Amino acid sequence: MKNKHKIYYILVLTLFILILSYLPNFIFEYRLNKGFICPEKQTPEKADTYLYKYTKFYMENYPNMTFSNFLSKRINLLISNKCMETLHNLAESNNGMIPNQNSVRELKNKPYGPENLTLKEIN
């Protein structure tokens, strides 16, 4: 019976340690997304600074994330904040198609391959 309790405590402790190890990234990502302001509502310098912080965070903390998945997160952020001017600018470079939730899902599910490198491979 005591062995079962030991295993239980070890599992709980391991889970607690895992949660604590991911908590700083989760909090920073939450603040990064919460502090998001549409690029068109900022000066170009501030928009570039935010994009740099955003990209740096993902490259350092999720180096195995594919570029498509990273891009889908970024577009999803633009969509959820109704950044229409930026989305229209993206549409101009995307054959006139404005990104939406379906295009985000397609990007997210794009298979890994030579044209869909990880952030680590791009760096």
PDB file of N, CA and C in Angstrom:
ATOM      1  N   MET A   1       0.822  -1.203   0.000  1.00  0.00           N
ATOM      2  CA  MET A   1       0.000   0.000   0.000  1.00  0.00           C
ATOM      3  C   MET A   1       0.865   1.266   0.000  1.00  0.00           C
ATOM      4  N   LYS A   2       1.968   1.236   0.759  1.00  0.00           N
ATOM      5  CA  LYS A   2       2.838   2.401   0.825  1.00  0.00           C
ATOM      6  C   LYS A   2       3.488   2.685  -0.519  1.00  0.00           C
ATOM      7  N   ASN A   3       3.782   1.643  -1.291  1.00  0.00           N
ATOM      8  CA  ASN A   3       4.378   1.835  -2.611  1.00  0.00           C
ATOM      9  C   ASN A   3       3.436   2.596  -3.540  1.00  0.00           C
ATOM     10  N   LYS A   4       2.149   2.313  -3.433  1.00  0.00           N
ATOM     11  CA  LYS A   4       1.164   3.030  -4.256  1.00  0.00           C
ATOM     12  C   LYS A   4       1.159   4.509  -3.913  1.00  0.00           C
ATOM     13  N   HIS A   5       1.278   4.828  -2.640  1.00  0.00           N
ATOM     14  CA  HIS A   5       1.309   6.224  -2.212  1.00  0.00           C
ATOM     15  C   HIS A   5       2.575   6.918  -2.706  1.00  0.00           C
ATOM     16  N   LYS A   6       3.704   6.209  -2.647  1.00  0.00           N
ATOM     17  CA  LYS A   6       4.952   6.782  -3.136  1.00  0.00           C
ATOM     18  C   LYS A   6       4.853   7.106  -4.631  1.00  0.00           C
ATOM     19  N   ILE A   7       4.312   6.164  -5.384  1.00  0.00           N
ATOM     20  CA  ILE A   7       4.152   6.373  -6.834  1.00  0.00           C
ATOM     21  C   ILE A   7       3.218   7.553  -7.092  1.00  0.00           C
ATOM     22  N   TYR A   8       2.152   7.623  -6.325  1.00  0.00           N
ATOM     23  CA  TYR A   8       1.198   8.730  -6.457  1.00  0.00           C
ATOM     24  C   TYR A   8       1.888  10.068  -6.189  1.00  0.00           C
ATOM     25  N   TYR A   9       2.668  10.137  -5.113  1.00  0.00           N
ATOM     26  CA  TYR A   9       3.363  11.381  -4.766  1.00  0.00           C
ATOM     27  C   TYR A   9       4.412  11.754  -5.820  1.00  0.00           C
ATOM     28  N   ILE A  10       5.092  10.752  -6.338  1.00  0.00           N
ATOM     29  CA  ILE A  10       6.088  11.011  -7.385  1.00  0.00           C
ATOM     30  C   ILE A  10       5.405  11.546  -8.639  1.00  0.00           C
ATOM     31  N   LEU A  11       4.275  10.968  -9.009  1.00  0.00           N
ATOM     32  CA  LEU A  11       3.528  11.446 -10.176  1.00  0.00           C
ATOM     33  C   LEU A  11       3.030  12.876  -9.983  1.00  0.00           C
ATOM     34  N   VAL A  12       2.500  13.164  -8.816  1.00  0.00           N
ATOM     35  CA  VAL A  12       2.001  14.503  -8.523  1.00  0.00           C
ATOM     36  C   VAL A  12       3.153  15.508  -8.537  1.00  0.00           C
ATOM     37  N   LEU A  13       4.272  15.143  -7.934  1.00  0.00           N
ATOM     38  CA  LEU A  13       5.440  16.022  -7.907  1.00  0.00           C
ATOM     39  C   LEU A  13       5.975  16.269  -9.325  1.00  0.00           C
ATOM     40  N   THR A  14       6.048  15.228 -10.121  1.00  0.00           N
ATOM     41  CA  THR A  14       6.507  15.359 -11.509  1.00  0.00           C
ATOM     42  C   THR A  14       5.579  16.279 -12.292  1.00  0.00           C
ATOM     43  N   LEU A  15       4.299  16.097 -12.148  1.00  0.00           N
ATOM     44  CA  LEU A  15       3.318  16.944 -12.829  1.00  0.00           C
ATOM     45  C   LEU A  15       3.464  18.398 -12.384  1.00  0.00           C
ATOM     46  N   PHE A  16       3.643  18.594 -11.101  1.00  0.00           N
ATOM     47  CA  PHE A  16       3.824  19.945 -10.556  1.00  0.00           C
ATOM     48  C   PHE A  16       5.073  20.603 -11.134  1.00  0.00           C
ATOM     49  N   ILE A  17       6.169  19.861 -11.214  1.00  0.00           N
ATOM     50  CA  ILE A  17       7.418  20.391 -11.774  1.00  0.00           C
ATOM     51  C   ILE A  17       7.239  20.728 -13.254  1.00  0.00           C
ATOM     52  N   LEU A  18       6.554  19.871 -13.990  1.00  0.00           N
ATOM     53  CA  LEU A  18       6.288  20.147 -15.409  1.00  0.00           C
ATOM     54  C   LEU A  18       5.472  21.422 -15.585  1.00  0.00           C
ATOM     55  N   ILE A  19       4.456  21.581 -14.767  1.00  0.00           N
ATOM     56  CA  ILE A  19       3.619  22.782 -14.840  1.00  0.00           C
ATOM     57  C   ILE A  19       4.450  24.022 -14.540  1.00  0.00           C
ATOM     58  N   LEU A  20       5.273  23.955 -13.506  1.00  0.00           N
ATOM     59  CA  LEU A  20       6.118  25.099 -13.153  1.00  0.00           C
ATOM     60  C   LEU A  20       7.132  25.426 -14.241  1.00  0.00           C
ATOM     61  N   SER A  21       7.625  24.418 -14.937  1.00  0.00           N
ATOM     62  CA  SER A  21       8.617  24.676 -15.983  1.00  0.00           C
ATOM     63  C   SER A  21       7.997  25.348 -17.201  1.00  0.00           C
ATOM     64  N   TYR A  22       6.729  25.090 -17.470  1.00  0.00           N
ATOM     65  CA  TYR A  22       6.064  25.709 -18.621  1.00  0.00           C
ATOM     66  C   TYR A  22       5.364  27.017 -18.276  1.00  0.00           C
ATOM     67  N   LEU A  23       5.172  27.292 -17.012  1.00  0.00           N
ATOM     68  CA  LEU A  23       4.424  28.475 -16.575  1.00  0.00           C
ATOM     69  C   LEU A  23       5.029  29.793 -17.052  1.00  0.00           C
ATOM     70  N   PRO A  24       6.348  30.011 -16.940  1.00  0.00           N
ATOM     71  CA  PRO A  24       6.894  31.296 -17.415  1.00  0.00           C
ATOM     72  C   PRO A  24       6.629  31.541 -18.910  1.00  0.00           C
ATOM     73  N   ASN A  25       6.784  30.502 -19.745  1.00  0.00           N
ATOM     74  CA  ASN A  25       6.496  30.650 -21.171  1.00  0.00           C
ATOM     75  C   ASN A  25       5.028  30.967 -21.404  1.00  0.00           C
ATOM     76  N   PHE A  26       4.160  30.269 -20.685  1.00  0.00           N
ATOM     77  CA  PHE A  26       2.727  30.497 -20.840  1.00  0.00           C
ATOM     78  C   PHE A  26       2.366  31.934 -20.467  1.00  0.00           C
ATOM     79  N   ILE A  27       2.921  32.417 -19.350  1.00  0.00           N
ATOM     80  CA  ILE A  27       2.628  33.781 -18.896  1.00  0.00           C
ATOM     81  C   ILE A  27       3.151  34.805 -19.899  1.00  0.00           C
ATOM     82  N   PHE A  28       4.388  34.604 -20.388  1.00  0.00           N
ATOM     83  CA  PHE A  28       4.957  35.550 -21.352  1.00  0.00           C
ATOM     84  C   PHE A  28       4.146  35.551 -22.639  1.00  0.00           C
ATOM     85  N   GLU A  29       3.760  34.357 -23.106  1.00  0.00           N
ATOM     86  CA  GLU A  29       2.954  34.266 -24.334  1.00  0.00           C
ATOM     87  C   GLU A  29       1.600  34.954 -24.136  1.00  0.00           C
ATOM     88  N   TYR A  30       0.997  34.763 -22.973  1.00  0.00           N
ATOM     89  CA  TYR A  30      -0.283  35.415 -22.674  1.00  0.00           C
ATOM     90  C   TYR A  30      -0.131  36.935 -22.712  1.00  0.00           C
ATOM     91  N   ARG A  31       0.922  37.446 -22.059  1.00  0.00           N
ATOM     92  CA  ARG A  31       1.156  38.895 -22.043  1.00  0.00           C
ATOM     93  C   ARG A  31       1.469  39.428 -23.436  1.00  0.00           C
ATOM     94  N   LEU A  32       2.219  38.649 -24.204  1.00  0.00           N
ATOM     95  CA  LEU A  32       2.557  39.034 -25.570  1.00  0.00           C
ATOM     96  C   LEU A  32       1.295  39.177 -26.414  1.00  0.00           C
ATOM     97  N   ASN A  33       0.392  38.219 -26.285  1.00  0.00           N
ATOM     98  CA  ASN A  33      -0.861  38.268 -27.045  1.00  0.00           C
ATOM     99  C   ASN A  33      -1.813  39.318 -26.494  1.00  0.00           C
ATOM    100  N   LYS A  34      -1.851  39.463 -25.166  1.00  0.00           N
ATOM    101  CA  LYS A  34      -2.739  40.445 -24.550  1.00  0.00           C
ATOM    102  C   LYS A  34      -2.315  41.871 -24.903  1.00  0.00           C
ATOM    103  N   GLY A  35      -1.000  42.086 -25.006  1.00  0.00           N
ATOM    104  CA  GLY A  35      -0.475  43.411 -25.323  1.00  0.00           C
ATOM    105  C   GLY A  35      -0.462  43.719 -26.808  1.00  0.00           C
ATOM    106  N   PHE A  36      -1.036  42.818 -27.607  1.00  0.00           N
ATOM    107  CA  PHE A  36      -1.019  43.003 -29.056  1.00  0.00           C
ATOM    108  C   PHE A  36      -1.888  44.188 -29.468  1.00  0.00           C
ATOM    109  N   ILE A  37      -1.329  45.012 -30.344  1.00  0.00           N
ATOM    110  CA  ILE A  37      -2.063  46.120 -30.964  1.00  0.00           C
ATOM    111  C   ILE A  37      -1.864  45.962 -32.458  1.00  0.00           C
ATOM    112  N   CYS A  38      -2.924  46.114 -33.213  1.00  0.00           N
ATOM    113  CA  CYS A  38      -2.826  45.969 -34.669  1.00  0.00           C
ATOM    114  C   CYS A  38      -1.700  46.841 -35.213  1.00  0.00           C
ATOM    115  N   PRO A  39      -0.913  46.304 -36.132  1.00  0.00           N
ATOM    116  CA  PRO A  39       0.198  47.078 -36.695  1.00  0.00           C
ATOM    117  C   PRO A  39      -0.240  48.417 -37.286  1.00  0.00           C
ATOM    118  N   GLU A  40      -1.425  48.447 -37.882  1.00  0.00           N
ATOM    119  CA  GLU A  40      -1.879  49.692 -38.509  1.00  0.00           C
ATOM    120  C   GLU A  40      -2.245  50.778 -37.494  1.00  0.00           C
ATOM    121  N   LYS A  41      -2.361  50.405 -36.224  1.00  0.00           N
ATOM    122  CA  LYS A  41      -2.694  51.379 -35.180  1.00  0.00           C
ATOM    123  C   LYS A  41      -1.458  51.827 -34.400  1.00  0.00           C
ATOM    124  N   GLN A  42      -0.274  51.481 -34.909  1.00  0.00           N
ATOM    125  CA  GLN A  42       0.979  51.818 -34.246  1.00  0.00           C
ATOM    126  C   GLN A  42       1.917  52.500 -35.237  1.00  0.00           C
ATOM    127  N   THR A  43       2.982  53.056 -34.683  1.00  0.00           N
ATOM    128  CA  THR A  43       4.029  53.563 -35.571  1.00  0.00           C
ATOM    129  C   THR A  43       4.744  52.343 -36.160  1.00  0.00           C
ATOM    130  N   PRO A  44       5.339  52.489 -37.333  1.00  0.00           N
ATOM    131  CA  PRO A  44       6.065  51.351 -37.915  1.00  0.00           C
ATOM    132  C   PRO A  44       7.156  50.802 -36.990  1.00  0.00           C
ATOM    133  N   GLU A  45       7.810  51.688 -36.240  1.00  0.00           N
ATOM    134  CA  GLU A  45       8.867  51.249 -35.328  1.00  0.00           C
ATOM    135  C   GLU A  45       8.310  50.359 -34.217  1.00  0.00           C
ATOM    136  N   LYS A  46       7.175  50.762 -33.648  1.00  0.00           N
ATOM    137  CA  LYS A  46       6.572  49.961 -32.573  1.00  0.00           C
ATOM    138  C   LYS A  46       6.053  48.627 -33.115  1.00  0.00           C
ATOM    139  N   ALA A  47       5.477  48.651 -34.299  1.00  0.00           N
ATOM    140  CA  ALA A  47       4.993  47.412 -34.909  1.00  0.00           C
ATOM    141  C   ALA A  47       6.161  46.459 -35.172  1.00  0.00           C
ATOM    142  N   ASP A  48       7.279  46.991 -35.660  1.00  0.00           N
ATOM    143  CA  ASP A  48       8.467  46.166 -35.916  1.00  0.00           C
ATOM    144  C   ASP A  48       9.038  45.613 -34.619  1.00  0.00           C
ATOM    145  N   THR A  49       9.058  46.437 -33.576  1.00  0.00           N
ATOM    146  CA  THR A  49       9.580  45.993 -32.281  1.00  0.00           C
ATOM    147  C   THR A  49       8.733  44.855 -31.733  1.00  0.00           C
ATOM    148  N   TYR A  50       7.405  44.983 -31.830  1.00  0.00           N
ATOM    149  CA  TYR A  50       6.515  43.925 -31.350  1.00  0.00           C
ATOM    150  C   TYR A  50       6.727  42.643 -32.163  1.00  0.00           C
ATOM    151  N   LEU A  51       6.793  42.777 -33.474  1.00  0.00           N
ATOM    152  CA  LEU A  51       6.986  41.605 -34.327  1.00  0.00           C
ATOM    153  C   LEU A  51       8.316  40.919 -34.008  1.00  0.00           C
ATOM    154  N   TYR A  52       9.338  41.707 -33.726  1.00  0.00           N
ATOM    155  CA  TYR A  52      10.634  41.140 -33.349  1.00  0.00           C
ATOM    156  C   TYR A  52      10.513  40.341 -32.046  1.00  0.00           C
ATOM    157  N   LYS A  53       9.878  40.934 -31.016  1.00  0.00           N
ATOM    158  CA  LYS A  53       9.698  40.235 -29.733  1.00  0.00           C
ATOM    159  C   LYS A  53       8.880  38.957 -29.921  1.00  0.00           C
ATOM    160  N   TYR A  54       7.825  39.053 -30.714  1.00  0.00           N
ATOM    161  CA  TYR A  54       6.938  37.919 -30.974  1.00  0.00           C
ATOM    162  C   TYR A  54       7.718  36.783 -31.647  1.00  0.00           C
ATOM    163  N   THR A  55       8.459  37.122 -32.693  1.00  0.00           N
ATOM    164  CA  THR A  55       9.224  36.122 -33.434  1.00  0.00           C
ATOM    165  C   THR A  55      10.328  35.532 -32.569  1.00  0.00           C
ATOM    166  N   LYS A  56      11.027  36.374 -31.832  1.00  0.00           N
ATOM    167  CA  LYS A  56      12.111  35.917 -30.968  1.00  0.00           C
ATOM    168  C   LYS A  56      11.591  34.950 -29.909  1.00  0.00           C
ATOM    169  N   PHE A  57      10.441  35.265 -29.310  1.00  0.00           N
ATOM    170  CA  PHE A  57       9.858  34.394 -28.297  1.00  0.00           C
ATOM    171  C   PHE A  57       9.626  32.992 -28.858  1.00  0.00           C
ATOM    172  N   TYR A  58       8.990  32.912 -30.021  1.00  0.00           N
ATOM    173  CA  TYR A  58       8.685  31.600 -30.591  1.00  0.00           C
ATOM    174  C   TYR A  58       9.944  30.874 -31.051  1.00  0.00           C
ATOM    175  N   MET A  59      10.900  31.606 -31.614  1.00  0.00           N
ATOM    176  CA  MET A  59      12.129  30.947 -32.074  1.00  0.00           C
ATOM    177  C   MET A  59      12.936  30.389 -30.905  1.00  0.00           C
ATOM    178  N   GLU A  60      12.943  31.086 -29.785  1.00  0.00           N
ATOM    179  CA  GLU A  60      13.702  30.626 -28.625  1.00  0.00           C
ATOM    180  C   GLU A  60      12.989  29.526 -27.842  1.00  0.00           C
ATOM    181  N   ASN A  61      11.664  29.606 -27.765  1.00  0.00           N
ATOM    182  CA  ASN A  61      10.924  28.678 -26.915  1.00  0.00           C
ATOM    183  C   ASN A  61      10.280  27.515 -27.656  1.00  0.00           C
ATOM    184  N   TYR A  62      10.083  27.661 -28.957  1.00  0.00           N
ATOM    185  CA  TYR A  62       9.466  26.603 -29.755  1.00  0.00           C
ATOM    186  C   TYR A  62      10.241  26.411 -31.057  1.00  0.00           C
ATOM    187  N   PRO A  63      11.529  26.064 -30.981  1.00  0.00           N
ATOM    188  CA  PRO A  63      12.347  25.978 -32.193  1.00  0.00           C
ATOM    189  C   PRO A  63      11.893  24.898 -33.173  1.00  0.00           C
ATOM    190  N   ASN A  64      11.150  23.903 -32.692  1.00  0.00           N
ATOM    191  CA  ASN A  64      10.686  22.834 -33.581  1.00  0.00           C
ATOM    192  C   ASN A  64       9.320  23.120 -34.198  1.00  0.00           C
ATOM    193  N   MET A  65       8.745  24.276 -33.887  1.00  0.00           N
ATOM    194  CA  MET A  65       7.484  24.676 -34.498  1.00  0.00           C
ATOM    195  C   MET A  65       7.747  24.963 -35.977  1.00  0.00           C
ATOM    196  N   THR A  66       6.864  24.481 -36.842  1.00  0.00           N
ATOM    197  CA  THR A  66       7.067  24.763 -38.263  1.00  0.00           C
ATOM    198  C   THR A  66       6.734  26.221 -38.541  1.00  0.00           C
ATOM    199  N   PHE A  67       7.311  26.728 -39.615  1.00  0.00           N
ATOM    200  CA  PHE A  67       7.058  28.111 -39.984  1.00  0.00           C
ATOM    201  C   PHE A  67       5.571  28.318 -40.288  1.00  0.00           C
ATOM    202  N   SER A  68       4.936  27.339 -40.904  1.00  0.00           N
ATOM    203  CA  SER A  68       3.499  27.447 -41.203  1.00  0.00           C
ATOM    204  C   SER A  68       2.678  27.566 -39.930  1.00  0.00           C
ATOM    205  N   ASN A  69       3.043  26.794 -38.915  1.00  0.00           N
ATOM    206  CA  ASN A  69       2.318  26.858 -37.653  1.00  0.00           C
ATOM    207  C   ASN A  69       2.540  28.215 -36.984  1.00  0.00           C
ATOM    208  N   PHE A  70       3.772  28.706 -37.036  1.00  0.00           N
ATOM    209  CA  PHE A  70       4.080  30.035 -36.508  1.00  0.00           C
ATOM    210  C   PHE A  70       3.254  31.096 -37.233  1.00  0.00           C
ATOM    211  N   LEU A  71       3.221  31.013 -38.551  1.00  0.00           N
ATOM    212  CA  LEU A  71       2.468  31.967 -39.353  1.00  0.00           C
ATOM    213  C   LEU A  71       0.972  31.888 -39.050  1.00  0.00           C
ATOM    214  N   SER A  72       0.468  30.681 -38.829  1.00  0.00           N
ATOM    215  CA  SER A  72      -0.953  30.535 -38.502  1.00  0.00           C
ATOM    216  C   SER A  72      -1.274  31.199 -37.169  1.00  0.00           C
ATOM    217  N   LYS A  73      -0.353  31.112 -36.192  1.00  0.00           N
ATOM    218  CA  LYS A  73      -0.563  31.796 -34.908  1.00  0.00           C
ATOM    219  C   LYS A  73      -0.621  33.306 -35.114  1.00  0.00           C
ATOM    220  N   ARG A  74       0.291  33.798 -35.930  1.00  0.00           N
ATOM    221  CA  ARG A  74       0.347  35.244 -36.198  1.00  0.00           C
ATOM    222  C   ARG A  74      -0.926  35.716 -36.902  1.00  0.00           C
ATOM    223  N   ILE A  75      -1.357  34.991 -37.909  1.00  0.00           N
ATOM    224  CA  ILE A  75      -2.560  35.376 -38.646  1.00  0.00           C
ATOM    225  C   ILE A  75      -3.780  35.274 -37.752  1.00  0.00           C
ATOM    226  N   ASN A  76      -3.835  34.247 -36.919  1.00  0.00           N
ATOM    227  CA  ASN A  76      -4.949  34.093 -35.990  1.00  0.00           C
ATOM    228  C   ASN A  76      -5.028  35.288 -35.043  1.00  0.00           C
ATOM    229  N   LEU A  77      -3.876  35.778 -34.609  1.00  0.00           N
ATOM    230  CA  LEU A  77      -3.820  36.961 -33.747  1.00  0.00           C
ATOM    231  C   LEU A  77      -4.366  38.185 -34.494  1.00  0.00           C
ATOM    232  N   LEU A  78      -3.994  38.330 -35.754  1.00  0.00           N
ATOM    233  CA  LEU A  78      -4.493  39.448 -36.571  1.00  0.00           C
ATOM    234  C   LEU A  78      -6.002  39.347 -36.772  1.00  0.00           C
ATOM    235  N   ILE A  79      -6.487  38.133 -37.016  1.00  0.00           N
ATOM    236  CA  ILE A  79      -7.930  37.928 -37.223  1.00  0.00           C
ATOM    237  C   ILE A  79      -8.703  38.214 -35.944  1.00  0.00           C
ATOM    238  N   SER A  80      -8.230  37.659 -34.820  1.00  0.00           N
ATOM    239  CA  SER A  80      -8.968  37.826 -33.561  1.00  0.00           C
ATOM    240  C   SER A  80      -8.992  39.278 -33.088  1.00  0.00           C
ATOM    241  N   ASN A  81      -8.010  40.079 -33.529  1.00  0.00           N
ATOM    242  CA  ASN A  81      -7.984  41.497 -33.164  1.00  0.00           C
ATOM    243  C   ASN A  81      -8.527  42.406 -34.263  1.00  0.00           C
ATOM    244  N   LYS A  82      -9.070  41.771 -35.300  1.00  0.00           N
ATOM    245  CA  LYS A  82      -9.708  42.500 -36.414  1.00  0.00           C
ATOM    246  C   LYS A  82      -8.767  43.545 -37.033  1.00  0.00           C
ATOM    247  N   CYS A  83      -7.557  43.111 -37.348  1.00  0.00           N
ATOM    248  CA  CYS A  83      -6.551  43.982 -37.971  1.00  0.00           C
ATOM    249  C   CYS A  83      -6.761  43.955 -39.490  1.00  0.00           C
ATOM    250  N   MET A  84      -7.832  44.585 -39.933  1.00  0.00           N
ATOM    251  CA  MET A  84      -8.251  44.477 -41.327  1.00  0.00           C
ATOM    252  C   MET A  84      -7.230  45.042 -42.314  1.00  0.00           C
ATOM    253  N   GLU A  85      -6.597  46.134 -41.986  1.00  0.00           N
ATOM    254  CA  GLU A  85      -5.626  46.723 -42.914  1.00  0.00           C
ATOM    255  C   GLU A  85      -4.444  45.775 -43.129  1.00  0.00           C
ATOM    256  N   THR A  86      -3.947  45.208 -42.054  1.00  0.00           N
ATOM    257  CA  THR A  86      -2.832  44.269 -42.164  1.00  0.00           C
ATOM    258  C   THR A  86      -3.257  43.019 -42.913  1.00  0.00           C
ATOM    259  N   LEU A  87      -4.475  42.533 -42.634  1.00  0.00           N
ATOM    260  CA  LEU A  87      -4.976  41.355 -43.340  1.00  0.00           C
ATOM    261  C   LEU A  87      -5.147  41.643 -44.837  1.00  0.00           C
ATOM    262  N   HIS A  88      -5.596  42.848 -45.172  1.00  0.00           N
ATOM    263  CA  HIS A  88      -5.715  43.218 -46.587  1.00  0.00           C
ATOM    264  C   HIS A  88      -4.338  43.300 -47.238  1.00  0.00           C
ATOM    265  N   ASN A  89      -3.350  43.798 -46.512  1.00  0.00           N
ATOM    266  CA  ASN A  89      -1.985  43.836 -47.047  1.00  0.00           C
ATOM    267  C   ASN A  89      -1.461  42.423 -47.296  1.00  0.00           C
ATOM    268  N   LEU A  90      -1.775  41.504 -46.381  1.00  0.00           N
ATOM    269  CA  LEU A  90      -1.397  40.106 -46.586  1.00  0.00           C
ATOM    270  C   LEU A  90      -2.114  39.529 -47.800  1.00  0.00           C
ATOM    271  N   ALA A  91      -3.358  39.938 -47.989  1.00  0.00           N
ATOM    272  CA  ALA A  91      -4.137  39.444 -49.125  1.00  0.00           C
ATOM    273  C   ALA A  91      -3.514  39.878 -50.447  1.00  0.00           C
ATOM    274  N   GLU A  92      -2.968  41.079 -50.482  1.00  0.00           N
ATOM    275  CA  GLU A  92      -2.336  41.557 -51.709  1.00  0.00           C
ATOM    276  C   GLU A  92      -1.178  40.662 -52.127  1.00  0.00           C
ATOM    277  N   SER A  93      -0.457  40.136 -51.157  1.00  0.00           N
ATOM    278  CA  SER A  93       0.657  39.251 -51.492  1.00  0.00           C
ATOM    279  C   SER A  93       0.221  37.791 -51.554  1.00  0.00           C
ATOM    280  N   ASN A  94      -1.079  37.557 -51.431  1.00  0.00           N
ATOM    281  CA  ASN A  94      -1.606  36.187 -51.419  1.00  0.00           C
ATOM    282  C   ASN A  94      -2.727  36.035 -52.449  1.00  0.00           C
ATOM    283  N   ASN A  95      -2.533  36.602 -53.617  1.00  0.00           N
ATOM    284  CA  ASN A  95      -3.506  36.516 -54.714  1.00  0.00           C
ATOM    285  C   ASN A  95      -4.892  37.031 -54.346  1.00  0.00           C
ATOM    286  N   GLY A  96      -4.937  38.045 -53.511  1.00  0.00           N
ATOM    287  CA  GLY A  96      -6.207  38.682 -53.182  1.00  0.00           C
ATOM    288  C   GLY A  96      -7.058  37.950 -52.166  1.00  0.00           C
ATOM    289  N   MET A  97      -6.564  36.847 -51.621  1.00  0.00           N
ATOM    290  CA  MET A  97      -7.362  36.086 -50.656  1.00  0.00           C
ATOM    291  C   MET A  97      -7.061  36.568 -49.240  1.00  0.00           C
ATOM    292  N   ILE A  98      -8.070  37.096 -48.572  1.00  0.00           N
ATOM    293  CA  ILE A  98      -7.900  37.557 -47.195  1.00  0.00           C
ATOM    294  C   ILE A  98      -7.842  36.334 -46.275  1.00  0.00           C
ATOM    295  N   PRO A  99      -6.789  36.248 -45.436  1.00  0.00           N
ATOM    296  CA  PRO A  99      -6.693  35.103 -44.521  1.00  0.00           C
ATOM    297  C   PRO A  99      -7.892  35.053 -43.572  1.00  0.00           C
ATOM    298  N   ASN A 100      -8.382  33.853 -43.339  1.00  0.00           N
ATOM    299  CA  ASN A 100      -9.482  33.653 -42.396  1.00  0.00           C
ATOM    300  C   ASN A 100      -9.199  32.402 -41.574  1.00  0.00           C
ATOM    301  N   GLN A 101     -10.161  31.978 -40.759  1.00  0.00           N
ATOM    302  CA  GLN A 101      -9.939  30.822 -39.886  1.00  0.00           C
ATOM    303  C   GLN A 101      -9.634  29.554 -40.688  1.00  0.00           C
ATOM    304  N   ASN A 102     -10.234  29.405 -41.888  1.00  0.00           N
ATOM    305  CA  ASN A 102      -9.949  28.220 -42.707  1.00  0.00           C
ATOM    306  C   ASN A 102      -8.510  28.216 -43.184  1.00  0.00           C
ATOM    307  N   SER A 103      -8.011  29.384 -43.623  1.00  0.00           N
ATOM    308  CA  SER A 103      -6.621  29.430 -44.079  1.00  0.00           C
ATOM    309  C   SER A 103      -5.661  29.211 -42.909  1.00  0.00           C
ATOM    310  N   VAL A 104      -6.048  29.644 -41.717  1.00  0.00           N
ATOM    311  CA  VAL A 104      -5.225  29.394 -40.527  1.00  0.00           C
ATOM    312  C   VAL A 104      -5.160  27.895 -40.257  1.00  0.00           C
ATOM    313  N   ARG A 105      -6.301  27.202 -40.344  1.00  0.00           N
ATOM    314  CA  ARG A 105      -6.322  25.750 -40.129  1.00  0.00           C
ATOM    315  C   ARG A 105      -5.459  25.034 -41.169  1.00  0.00           C
ATOM    316  N   GLU A 106      -5.547  25.474 -42.424  1.00  0.00           N
ATOM    317  CA  GLU A 106      -4.729  24.857 -43.471  1.00  0.00           C
ATOM    318  C   GLU A 106      -3.248  25.033 -43.193  1.00  0.00           C
ATOM    319  N   LEU A 107      -2.866  26.235 -42.790  1.00  0.00           N
ATOM    320  CA  LEU A 107      -1.457  26.482 -42.465  1.00  0.00           C
ATOM    321  C   LEU A 107      -0.997  25.608 -41.308  1.00  0.00           C
ATOM    322  N   LYS A 108      -1.839  25.547 -40.280  1.00  0.00           N
ATOM    323  CA  LYS A 108      -1.499  24.796 -39.077  1.00  0.00           C
ATOM    324  C   LYS A 108      -1.294  23.317 -39.397  1.00  0.00           C
ATOM    325  N   ASN A 109      -2.092  22.793 -40.314  1.00  0.00           N
ATOM    326  CA  ASN A 109      -2.053  21.370 -40.631  1.00  0.00           C
ATOM    327  C   ASN A 109      -1.125  21.033 -41.793  1.00  0.00           C
ATOM    328  N   LYS A 110      -0.422  22.032 -42.303  1.00  0.00           N
ATOM    329  CA  LYS A 110       0.489  21.788 -43.423  1.00  0.00           C
ATOM    330  C   LYS A 110       1.590  20.833 -42.970  1.00  0.00           C
ATOM    331  N   PRO A 111       1.849  19.782 -43.748  1.00  0.00           N
ATOM    332  CA  PRO A 111       2.863  18.810 -43.313  1.00  0.00           C
ATOM    333  C   PRO A 111       4.268  19.392 -43.334  1.00  0.00           C
ATOM    334  N   TYR A 112       5.100  18.857 -42.459  1.00  0.00           N
ATOM    335  CA  TYR A 112       6.495  19.264 -42.426  1.00  0.00           C
ATOM    336  C   TYR A 112       7.178  18.779 -43.697  1.00  0.00           C
ATOM    337  N   GLY A 113       8.038  19.585 -44.238  1.00  0.00           N
ATOM    338  CA  GLY A 113       8.788  19.215 -45.446  1.00  0.00           C
ATOM    339  C   GLY A 113       9.755  20.320 -45.785  1.00  0.00           C
ATOM    340  N   PRO A 114      10.448  20.179 -46.911  1.00  0.00           N
ATOM    341  CA  PRO A 114      11.454  21.185 -47.292  1.00  0.00           C
ATOM    342  C   PRO A 114      10.884  22.595 -47.424  1.00  0.00           C
ATOM    343  N   GLU A 115       9.623  22.717 -47.805  1.00  0.00           N
ATOM    344  CA  GLU A 115       9.020  24.043 -47.946  1.00  0.00           C
ATOM    345  C   GLU A 115       8.332  24.503 -46.661  1.00  0.00           C
ATOM    346  N   ASN A 116       8.342  23.658 -45.637  1.00  0.00           N
ATOM    347  CA  ASN A 116       7.723  24.002 -44.354  1.00  0.00           C
ATOM    348  C   ASN A 116       8.716  23.676 -43.240  1.00  0.00           C
ATOM    349  N   LEU A 117       9.759  24.486 -43.152  1.00  0.00           N
ATOM    350  CA  LEU A 117      10.835  24.233 -42.205  1.00  0.00           C
ATOM    351  C   LEU A 117      10.436  24.620 -40.782  1.00  0.00           C
ATOM    352  N   THR A 118      11.187  24.113 -39.809  1.00  0.00           N
ATOM    353  CA  THR A 118      10.970  24.531 -38.425  1.00  0.00           C
ATOM    354  C   THR A 118      11.660  25.868 -38.201  1.00  0.00           C
ATOM    355  N   LEU A 119      11.293  26.540 -37.125  1.00  0.00           N
ATOM    356  CA  LEU A 119      11.908  27.833 -36.810  1.00  0.00           C
ATOM    357  C   LEU A 119      13.413  27.676 -36.586  1.00  0.00           C
ATOM    358  N   LYS A 120      13.810  26.540 -36.021  1.00  0.00           N
ATOM    359  CA  LYS A 120      15.229  26.271 -35.783  1.00  0.00           C
ATOM    360  C   LYS A 120      15.968  26.177 -37.113  1.00  0.00           C
ATOM    361  N   GLU A 121      15.361  25.554 -38.103  1.00  0.00           N
ATOM    362  CA  GLU A 121      16.004  25.387 -39.411  1.00  0.00           C
ATOM    363  C   GLU A 121      16.070  26.695 -40.186  1.00  0.00           C
ATOM    364  N   ILE A 122      15.124  27.583 -39.938  1.00  0.00           N
ATOM    365  CA  ILE A 122      15.116  28.886 -40.618  1.00  0.00           C
ATOM    366  C   ILE A 122      16.214  29.772 -40.048  1.00  0.00           C
ATOM    367  N   ASN A 123      16.390  29.696 -38.735  1.00  0.00           N
ATOM    368  CA  ASN A 123      17.383  30.525 -38.041  1.00  0.00           C
ATOM    369  C   ASN A 123      18.729  30.186 -38.467  1.00  0.00           C
TER     370      ASN A 123
END
